Amino acid sequence: MAVKVKSMFYCSNCGADSPKWVGKCPACGEWNTYVEEKVAAKPAKTMTAFGEDDGAKKRITPIKISEIKSENEPRIQLPSGELNRVLGGGLVQGSIILVGGEPGIGKSTLILQNVLRIRSRKVLYVSGEESQQQLKMRADRICGGKIDCECYIVCDTSLESIFTSINNFKPDLVVVDSIQTIASDMLDSSAGSVGQVRECAAALLKYAKQTNTPVILIGHINKEGSIAGPKVLEHIVDAVLQFEGDRHYMYRILRGIKNRFGSTSEMGIYEMTHYGLREVTNPSEMLLSHREENLSGVAIGVTLEGIRPFLIEAQSLVSTAAYGTAQRSVTGFDVKRMNMLLAVLEKRIGFKLAQKDVFLNIAGGLKVNDPALDLAVICSILSSNVDMPISEGVCMSGEVGLSGEIRQVTRIEQRISEAEKLGFKTMIIPKHNVKGFDVTRMNIKLIEVAKVEEAFKYLFS
């Protein structure tokens, strides 16, 4: 008797299903994300990591949590220190990691240049997008033609064929590039559909847990929403690393969105070069421009990305509105927060900016969400408005409240140490923020301010 086949609709963003097409997903709220897939009315045997029937399962006995022995998970140290930091100290055995980002941002390059430098472990690199010759050309460019590693390449898109290669090869690390190209013969839908991505990722997860072998998945995410749905993968994997950046800039940022084995507050910075990605160990020197003369509209702020402090330039340009309606243009900063800061300047301080265009740019192509950059933003706007440059060697850090007060920020000692390390002589900080810290050993002058007016008086008087 033939198996009946019916249609189901799945959200490509979160994986929710519906018997009919709907315009707005009731689970995640996204519009026009439902796609149709053919499913069997009575599914056949469930596939496991080794192609076995899942019906005969071993009996699992519950165990008391106090009786579980706590052991330190051994981690595999990857050649990239930045990647190890974001992972929480290295790659945990038996974990499954998703590296996501826009197409062409450098995900495959990041993973390939790391596995090519692993000497003591066998690595199986499964590519569903590139041929062996293409991978060889990229590897030669990254390693300069000198490849000495235990990395083996398999170019295949069939999940069953991939597991056959894995079972025969017994690798210490598996890389799948990319998960959207892998499809199982047990499903009728095409590769990249929600059902295929979910089932293939679940099978790889079961393989990783049963064999204690780490698996790295590479997934594409575009600005309109991934075809496979990033949320579907995020619920399955142990860690999600977001690789982001602007193609017009050389720098890339690796963020931990989800991590079951470490903190999600870490960040890694890379520079894209002709020979691959280079680690940026001191992002502050990268983000600060070296100017021959002081210019108005530039303020140096000390921000914090996770637990990593660095200095960054806030650049502003204030000019008279040419067409009657003032423009507000922001790059790398929250436009709503900038409008709030402009309202504080006008209401509390008395600067009339309603009829002036305000353009704000965070140098380096980074997107900063730290509220401690507020003070640098409003100082750069005022500097451009009055056309007076801020003295060289001055940086600042502070959150601005609606009443014009400078609120305290977190990890102030780390921020001060970073500014001192880069040679800054003066730093403007919130009042009483260093209470309890020994600042006598620091060779930097600290200016404590409680109101925005006090900071302006020090900078422009």
Foldseek 3Di string as FASTA:
>chain_A
DDFDKAKWKAFLAAGDIDNDDDQADPPPGDGPRIDIFIDTPDADFAQALQRDGPPDDDDDDDDDPVPDDDDDFDFDDWPDPQVCVQQARHHGFLFEEEEEEAPPLAPVLVVVLRQQPDAPWAEEEEEQDDDPVVSVVLVCLQVVNDGHHNYHYHHDQESNVVSVVCVVVVGQEYEYHALQSHAYPSGPDHRNAQVRSLSSLNNVSRVRNVSRHYYYHYDYADPVGGSNHPNSNVVRGQWYWYWDFDPVFQKIKIFTPHHNNHDRQRMWMWGQDSNGTHGDPAVQVVQDDDDPDFWALWAWEWFGRRNDIHIWIKGKAKAFDPPQFEAEAEAQEDSVVVVLLVLLCCPQVNDDRRRIHMYIYIGPRHRDDGQQCSLRNVRSHVRNVVGHGFDPLEHETFHADNNQWTDADPPVVNSLVNSQVVPRAEYEGAPPNCPPPDCPVGRHHYHHDTGSVVVCVVGPD
